[in-house]
Amino acid sequence: MIVTLVLWTLFFYLLYSWLTMKPKNYPPGPLHFPVIGPAFSVPRKLVHITLAGEWLQKYGPVVGLAFGSRKIIAICGAREVLEVLQREEFQARPTSMFFKERSFGKRLGVFFSDGPFWVEQRRFTLRNLRDFGFGKQSMEGFIMEEVEDTIKEVTQKGVLQVNGLFSVATLNVLWRMIAGSHYSRNDEELLTLLEKVSRFFRSGNPSGGLVNFFPILKTIAPVLSGHTEAKESLLDMQNYFRKSIWEHKKTIDKNNPRDFIDVYLREMEVQRNKPDTTFTEEGLIVLCLDLFSAGGETLSSSLAFSLLYMILNPNVQKAVQKELDQVVGRDRRPTLADRGR
């Protein structure tokens, strides 16, 4: 009996040691347990404060974590993050179950790809988006139209929900370059798509969420883990872009491309006989998803956060208004030319 107890104790000790084993020279970090990792050390709210505050003071700018079988390194501090982003060793992207699902089981797009594929797709995307106004003075006209429409909406409604206030405006500017089209603020198709993008991010799975670390959850608890909602929203978005690409194929003039989708389709035709081509219809769908997610959720959420921050901090609001008055005045709208003043 005693021997059996000792053997079981030894077995569980060795199993625990193996499951919580850290690689050599692994950075210090909070205590983590098998399966659940450092769950007891991570608060449910204000995680960024714990990471940048408590853990930075306790463990330093580099913190070692483990979730399930995945080891994760968290970097704290602006200087340290900048250093990591500028080093070639850290240019690769992780592979996960959900990253593959969003890109048809492959490494496509520009968000979650790397290597020569990423270099070629990123270079092509930036070069051709610039041709359609990205980062240029010609883009300012699109932006100002959306600014005026947003101001009109705020003025007419008076009281409104800040969340989603900038979604249509940011996407319209981006979508003009990508698909050559413009939506009204009440367009049902666009509003439905925006809701799907929002649901996708709210599901907690834009980068995999819990399912990324514990893939079994998509089988035993697909709804509870958020996988079902994320997958449905993802499929809806992919179908939307597929429909837009199909409509472009029917009306494309290869000698006079109207937008980014046209030039991508033209490049697909040029490289169609190359066995190692990186230009495919699936790749274009994922690339549209990448750009749409960045413009639809990330940028609009940043603008909404900035507005709410100024509302909650009147001193910041006054400082911003003071600078606007000094540089721009109150007789005109700010322009891109004012950035350097």
Protein backbone atom coordinates (compact mmCIF):
# COMPACT_ATOMS: atom_id res chain seq x y z
CA MET A 1 0.00 0.00 0.00
CA ILE A 2 2.73 2.43 1.00
CA VAL A 3 4.83 1.47 -2.03
CA THR A 4 1.84 2.08 -4.33
CA LEU A 5 1.21 5.47 -2.75
CA VAL A 6 4.86 6.43 -3.13
CA LEU A 7 4.88 5.34 -6.77
CA TRP A 8 1.71 7.33 -7.57
CA THR A 9 3.13 10.35 -5.78
CA LEU A 10 6.35 10.04 -7.74
CA PHE A 11 4.39 9.62 -10.98
CA PHE A 12 2.31 12.76 -10.43
CA TYR A 13 5.39 14.71 -9.36
CA LEU A 14 7.25 13.73 -12.53
CA LEU A 15 4.17 14.47 -14.65
CA TYR A 16 3.77 17.88 -13.02
CA SER A 17 7.47 18.63 -13.49
CA TRP A 18 7.29 17.65 -17.15
CA LEU A 19 4.15 19.68 -17.86
CA THR A 20 5.52 22.78 -16.14
CA MET A 21 9.09 22.39 -17.39
CA LYS A 22 10.57 25.57 -18.81
CA PRO A 23 13.23 25.67 -21.52
CA LYS A 24 16.78 26.56 -20.61
CA ASN A 25 17.30 30.29 -19.99
CA TYR A 26 13.51 30.85 -19.97
CA PRO A 27 12.59 34.32 -18.63
CA PRO A 28 11.11 34.58 -15.13
CA GLY A 29 7.36 34.80 -14.79
CA PRO A 30 4.32 33.99 -12.65
CA LEU A 31 3.72 30.48 -11.35
CA HIS A 32 1.94 28.34 -13.91
CA PHE A 33 0.11 25.06 -13.53
CA PRO A 34 -0.50 22.20 -15.96
CA VAL A 35 -3.26 22.92 -18.49
CA ILE A 36 -4.43 26.23 -16.97
CA GLY A 37 -1.03 27.93 -17.02
CA PRO A 38 -0.82 31.18 -14.98
CA ALA A 39 -4.63 31.53 -14.84
CA PHE A 40 -4.64 32.33 -11.13
CA SER A 41 -2.08 35.10 -11.68
CA VAL A 42 -3.90 36.82 -14.55
CA PRO A 43 -6.84 39.06 -13.58
CA ARG A 44 -10.02 38.95 -15.63
CA LYS A 45 -9.93 42.72 -16.10
CA LEU A 46 -7.20 45.29 -16.69
CA VAL A 47 -4.70 42.64 -17.78
CA HIS A 48 -2.49 45.30 -19.37
CA ILE A 49 -2.07 47.01 -16.00
CA THR A 50 -0.94 43.76 -14.40
CA LEU A 51 1.43 43.04 -17.28
CA ALA A 52 2.94 46.52 -17.60
CA GLY A 53 2.79 47.33 -13.90
CA GLU A 54 3.11 44.48 -11.42
CA TRP A 55 4.93 41.99 -13.63
CA LEU A 56 7.29 44.61 -15.04
CA GLN A 57 8.37 45.53 -11.53
CA LYS A 58 8.58 41.94 -10.34
CA TYR A 59 10.05 40.09 -13.32
CA GLY A 60 11.54 42.78 -15.54
CA PRO A 61 10.72 43.73 -19.15
CA VAL A 62 10.75 40.11 -20.40
CA VAL A 63 8.17 37.77 -18.82
CA GLY A 64 7.88 34.03 -19.44
CA LEU A 65 4.39 32.50 -19.59
CA ALA A 66 2.90 29.14 -20.51
CA PHE A 67 -0.66 28.32 -21.57
CA GLY A 68 -1.36 24.65 -22.10
CA SER A 69 1.57 23.31 -24.08
CA ARG A 70 2.43 26.70 -25.60
CA LYS A 71 5.24 28.84 -24.23
CA ILE A 72 4.80 32.60 -24.57
CA ILE A 73 7.17 35.50 -23.99
CA ALA A 74 5.59 38.85 -23.05
CA ILE A 75 7.57 42.04 -23.64
CA CYS A 76 6.85 45.07 -21.43
CA GLY A 77 7.99 48.62 -22.11
CA ALA A 78 8.03 50.80 -25.23
CA ARG A 79 11.82 50.63 -25.72
CA GLU A 80 11.91 46.85 -25.39
CA VAL A 81 8.94 46.33 -27.72
CA LEU A 82 10.51 48.61 -30.34
CA GLU A 83 13.77 46.69 -30.14
CA VAL A 84 12.00 43.36 -30.67
CA LEU A 85 9.96 44.66 -33.61
CA GLN A 86 13.10 45.91 -35.35
CA ARG A 87 15.07 42.67 -35.04
CA GLU A 88 14.98 40.17 -37.89
CA GLU A 89 14.84 37.16 -35.54
CA PHE A 90 11.34 38.15 -34.46
CA GLN A 91 9.80 38.66 -37.91
CA ALA A 92 8.27 35.18 -38.08
CA ARG A 93 4.61 34.58 -37.23
CA PRO A 94 3.17 31.80 -35.08
CA THR A 95 1.14 28.95 -36.50
CA SER A 96 -2.13 28.03 -34.84
CA MET A 97 -5.34 26.19 -35.58
CA PHE A 98 -7.37 29.36 -36.03
CA PHE A 99 -4.77 31.12 -38.19
CA LYS A 100 -5.07 28.16 -40.56
CA GLU A 101 -8.86 28.21 -40.49
CA ARG A 102 -9.01 31.87 -41.49
CA SER A 103 -6.66 31.24 -44.43
CA PHE A 104 -8.00 27.94 -45.81
CA GLY A 105 -5.42 25.80 -44.03
CA LYS A 106 -2.49 27.76 -45.49
CA ARG A 107 -0.29 30.70 -44.57
CA LEU A 108 -1.84 33.52 -46.60
CA GLY A 109 -2.35 37.28 -46.33
CA VAL A 110 0.08 39.66 -44.64
CA PHE A 111 -0.94 39.45 -40.97
CA PHE A 112 0.01 35.85 -40.18
CA SER A 113 2.48 34.94 -42.92
CA ASP A 114 6.24 35.39 -43.06
CA GLY A 115 9.31 34.68 -45.16
CA PRO A 116 9.52 35.30 -48.94
CA PHE A 117 5.73 34.96 -49.31
CA TRP A 118 5.12 37.78 -46.82
CA VAL A 119 7.80 39.97 -48.42
CA GLU A 120 6.28 39.64 -51.90
CA GLN A 121 2.68 40.13 -50.78
CA ARG A 122 3.49 43.08 -48.52
CA ARG A 123 5.56 44.82 -51.21
CA PHE A 124 2.85 44.32 -53.85
CA THR A 125 0.09 45.49 -51.48
CA LEU A 126 1.83 48.68 -50.36
CA ARG A 127 2.97 49.61 -53.86
CA ASN A 128 -0.46 49.24 -55.42
CA LEU A 129 -2.43 50.76 -52.54
CA ARG A 130 -0.22 53.84 -52.91
CA ASP A 131 -1.19 53.99 -56.59
CA PHE A 132 -4.80 54.30 -55.47
CA GLY A 133 -4.09 57.01 -52.91
CA PHE A 134 -2.84 55.30 -49.76
CA GLY A 135 -0.61 57.73 -47.86
CA LYS A 136 -0.93 60.37 -50.58
CA GLN A 137 -2.52 63.78 -50.80
CA SER A 138 -5.24 62.40 -53.09
CA MET A 139 -6.50 60.30 -50.19
CA GLU A 140 -7.34 63.44 -48.23
CA GLY A 141 -10.47 64.07 -50.29
CA PHE A 142 -11.87 60.66 -49.31
CA ILE A 143 -11.05 61.28 -45.67
CA MET A 144 -12.66 64.72 -45.58
CA GLU A 145 -15.87 63.37 -47.11
CA GLU A 146 -16.12 60.82 -44.32
CA VAL A 147 -15.25 63.45 -41.69
CA GLU A 148 -18.11 65.65 -42.88
CA ASP A 149 -20.53 62.72 -42.89
CA THR A 150 -19.47 61.74 -39.37
CA ILE A 151 -19.88 65.30 -38.08
CA LYS A 152 -23.32 65.48 -39.70
CA GLU A 153 -24.35 62.22 -38.01
CA VAL A 154 -23.17 63.42 -34.59
CA THR A 155 -24.94 66.77 -35.04
CA GLN A 156 -28.22 65.20 -36.12
CA LYS A 157 -28.37 62.45 -33.49
CA GLY A 158 -27.01 64.46 -30.58
CA VAL A 159 -26.69 61.47 -28.24
CA LEU A 160 -25.15 58.33 -29.73
CA GLN A 161 -23.08 55.24 -29.04
CA VAL A 162 -19.36 55.93 -29.49
CA ASN A 163 -18.61 52.27 -30.14
CA GLY A 164 -18.86 51.84 -33.90
CA LEU A 165 -19.16 55.58 -34.58
CA PHE A 166 -16.09 55.60 -36.86
CA SER A 167 -16.49 52.13 -38.41
CA VAL A 168 -18.23 53.18 -41.64
CA ALA A 169 -15.91 56.16 -42.15
CA THR A 170 -12.67 54.21 -41.77
CA LEU A 171 -13.88 51.33 -43.92
CA ASN A 172 -15.17 53.61 -46.66
CA VAL A 173 -11.75 55.23 -47.07
CA LEU A 174 -10.07 51.83 -47.20
CA TRP A 175 -12.70 50.14 -49.37
CA ARG A 176 -12.47 52.82 -52.06
CA MET A 177 -8.86 51.79 -52.63
CA ILE A 178 -9.47 48.05 -52.32
CA ALA A 179 -12.76 47.61 -54.19
CA GLY A 180 -13.44 51.03 -55.72
CA SER A 181 -16.82 51.37 -53.99
CA HIS A 182 -18.37 53.64 -51.38
CA TYR A 183 -21.18 52.88 -48.96
CA SER A 184 -23.77 55.15 -47.41
CA ARG A 185 -23.84 55.18 -43.63
CA ASN A 186 -27.18 53.34 -43.67
CA ASP A 187 -26.21 50.65 -46.18
CA GLU A 188 -27.66 47.38 -44.85
CA GLU A 189 -25.01 45.19 -46.46
CA LEU A 190 -22.17 47.17 -44.92
CA LEU A 191 -23.81 47.40 -41.49
CA THR A 192 -24.36 43.65 -41.50
CA LEU A 193 -20.73 43.05 -42.40
CA LEU A 194 -19.54 45.44 -39.68
CA GLU A 195 -21.62 43.54 -37.15
CA LYS A 196 -19.94 40.32 -38.25
CA VAL A 197 -16.50 41.89 -37.86
CA SER A 198 -17.49 43.10 -34.39
CA ARG A 199 -18.86 39.68 -33.44
CA PHE A 200 -15.65 38.08 -34.65
CA PHE A 201 -13.55 40.25 -32.33
CA ARG A 202 -16.01 40.01 -29.42
CA SER A 203 -15.90 36.22 -29.63
CA GLY A 204 -12.36 36.41 -28.25
CA ASN A 205 -10.99 34.51 -31.23
CA PRO A 206 -9.38 36.96 -33.67
CA SER A 207 -6.10 35.23 -32.96
CA GLY A 208 -7.40 31.90 -31.72
CA GLY A 209 -8.36 32.65 -28.11
CA LEU A 210 -8.58 29.66 -25.78
CA VAL A 211 -9.05 27.31 -28.72
CA ASN A 212 -5.59 28.32 -29.90
CA PHE A 213 -4.07 26.88 -26.73
CA PHE A 214 -6.58 24.07 -26.15
CA PRO A 215 -7.80 22.88 -29.60
CA ILE A 216 -9.99 20.22 -27.99
CA LEU A 217 -12.38 23.00 -26.91
CA LYS A 218 -13.64 23.45 -30.47
CA THR A 219 -14.96 19.89 -30.22
CA ILE A 220 -16.18 19.62 -26.64
CA ALA A 221 -17.28 23.24 -26.08
CA PRO A 222 -17.49 25.07 -29.44
CA VAL A 223 -20.12 27.58 -28.32
CA LEU A 224 -18.73 28.27 -24.85
CA SER A 225 -15.20 28.76 -26.18
CA GLY A 226 -16.42 31.26 -28.79
CA HIS A 227 -15.24 29.10 -31.68
CA THR A 228 -18.70 28.67 -33.24
CA GLU A 229 -19.43 32.40 -33.32
CA ALA A 230 -15.96 33.24 -34.60
CA LYS A 231 -16.12 30.58 -37.33
CA GLU A 232 -19.57 31.70 -38.52
CA SER A 233 -18.49 35.36 -38.67
CA LEU A 234 -15.29 34.39 -40.45
CA LEU A 235 -17.15 32.39 -43.11
CA ASP A 236 -19.57 35.28 -43.68
CA MET A 237 -16.68 37.70 -44.20
CA GLN A 238 -14.86 35.32 -46.54
CA ASN A 239 -18.05 34.89 -48.62
CA TYR A 240 -18.50 38.66 -48.79
CA PHE A 241 -15.01 39.15 -50.23
CA ARG A 242 -15.45 36.18 -52.57
CA LYS A 243 -18.62 37.81 -53.94
CA SER A 244 -16.84 41.15 -54.44
CA ILE A 245 -13.95 39.43 -56.27
CA TRP A 246 -16.41 37.55 -58.50
CA GLU A 247 -18.14 40.83 -59.42
CA HIS A 248 -14.74 42.34 -60.29
CA LYS A 249 -13.92 39.37 -62.52
CA LYS A 250 -17.06 39.99 -64.58
CA THR A 251 -16.30 43.65 -65.26
CA ILE A 252 -12.50 43.93 -65.14
CA ASP A 253 -10.58 45.85 -67.80
CA LYS A 254 -7.00 44.62 -67.43
CA ASN A 255 -5.64 47.71 -69.17
CA ASN A 256 -7.48 50.09 -66.84
CA PRO A 257 -7.57 48.67 -63.30
CA ARG A 258 -10.07 50.47 -61.08
CA ASP A 259 -8.81 49.39 -57.68
CA PHE A 260 -6.58 47.02 -55.73
CA ILE A 261 -8.71 43.94 -56.44
CA ASP A 262 -8.37 44.58 -60.17
CA VAL A 263 -4.56 44.81 -60.06
CA TYR A 264 -4.37 41.68 -57.90
CA LEU A 265 -6.55 39.76 -60.36
CA ARG A 266 -4.35 41.00 -63.19
CA GLU A 267 -1.24 39.77 -61.36
CA MET A 268 -2.93 36.40 -60.81
CA GLU A 269 -3.40 36.15 -64.57
CA VAL A 270 0.23 37.10 -65.25
CA GLN A 271 1.55 34.45 -62.84
CA ARG A 272 -1.05 31.72 -63.39
CA ASN A 273 1.45 29.35 -65.06
CA LYS A 274 4.07 29.72 -62.32
CA PRO A 275 3.97 26.71 -59.97
CA ASP A 276 5.32 28.75 -57.06
CA THR A 277 3.08 31.80 -57.50
CA THR A 278 1.89 33.52 -54.33
CA PHE A 279 -1.04 35.18 -56.10
CA THR A 280 -4.25 33.16 -55.76
CA GLU A 281 -7.92 33.90 -55.22
CA GLU A 282 -7.76 32.44 -51.71
CA GLY A 283 -4.78 34.69 -51.03
CA LEU A 284 -6.76 37.72 -52.21
CA ILE A 285 -9.69 36.81 -49.95
CA VAL A 286 -7.42 36.54 -46.90
CA LEU A 287 -5.61 39.76 -47.84
CA CYS A 288 -8.96 41.58 -48.03
CA LEU A 289 -9.85 40.08 -44.65
CA ASP A 290 -6.56 41.36 -43.19
CA LEU A 291 -7.04 44.88 -44.54
CA PHE A 292 -10.73 44.97 -43.65
CA SER A 293 -10.07 43.82 -40.08
CA ALA A 294 -7.33 46.43 -39.63
CA GLY A 295 -9.46 49.26 -41.01
CA GLY A 296 -12.79 48.12 -39.67
CA GLU A 297 -12.00 47.23 -36.10
CA THR A 298 -8.51 48.34 -35.10
CA LEU A 299 -8.57 51.88 -36.47
CA SER A 300 -12.19 52.65 -35.58
CA SER A 301 -11.66 51.30 -32.04
CA SER A 302 -8.55 53.47 -31.64
CA LEU A 303 -10.50 56.56 -32.71
CA ALA A 304 -13.37 55.69 -30.37
CA PHE A 305 -10.90 55.16 -27.50
CA SER A 306 -9.27 58.54 -28.18
CA LEU A 307 -12.64 60.29 -28.13
CA LEU A 308 -13.76 58.57 -24.93
CA TYR A 309 -10.39 59.28 -23.31
CA MET A 310 -10.80 63.00 -23.97
CA ILE A 311 -14.37 62.91 -22.66
CA LEU A 312 -13.22 61.30 -19.42
CA ASN A 313 -10.14 63.55 -19.16
CA PRO A 314 -11.22 67.15 -19.86
CA ASN A 315 -7.67 68.43 -19.34
CA VAL A 316 -6.50 66.33 -22.30
CA GLN A 317 -9.46 67.54 -24.35
CA LYS A 318 -8.55 71.16 -23.59
CA ALA A 319 -4.92 70.57 -24.55
CA VAL A 320 -5.94 69.03 -27.89
CA GLN A 321 -8.36 71.87 -28.60
CA LYS A 322 -5.70 74.45 -27.70
CA GLU A 323 -3.24 72.94 -30.17
CA LEU A 324 -5.91 72.79 -32.88
CA ASP A 325 -6.75 76.46 -32.31
CA GLN A 326 -3.09 77.46 -32.48
CA VAL A 327 -2.20 75.44 -35.58
CA VAL A 328 -5.46 75.31 -37.54
CA GLY A 329 -7.77 77.91 -36.09
CA ARG A 330 -11.56 77.59 -36.15
CA ASP A 331 -12.30 78.73 -39.69
CA ARG A 332 -11.38 75.48 -41.47
CA ARG A 333 -10.89 71.74 -41.04
CA PRO A 334 -7.46 70.25 -40.24
CA THR A 335 -5.62 68.84 -43.25
CA LEU A 336 -2.73 66.43 -43.78
CA ALA A 337 -0.46 69.42 -44.38
CA ASP A 338 -0.98 70.47 -40.74
CA ARG A 339 0.76 67.38 -39.37
CA GLY A 340 4.22 68.90 -39.65
CA ARG A 341 3.28 72.23 -38.11
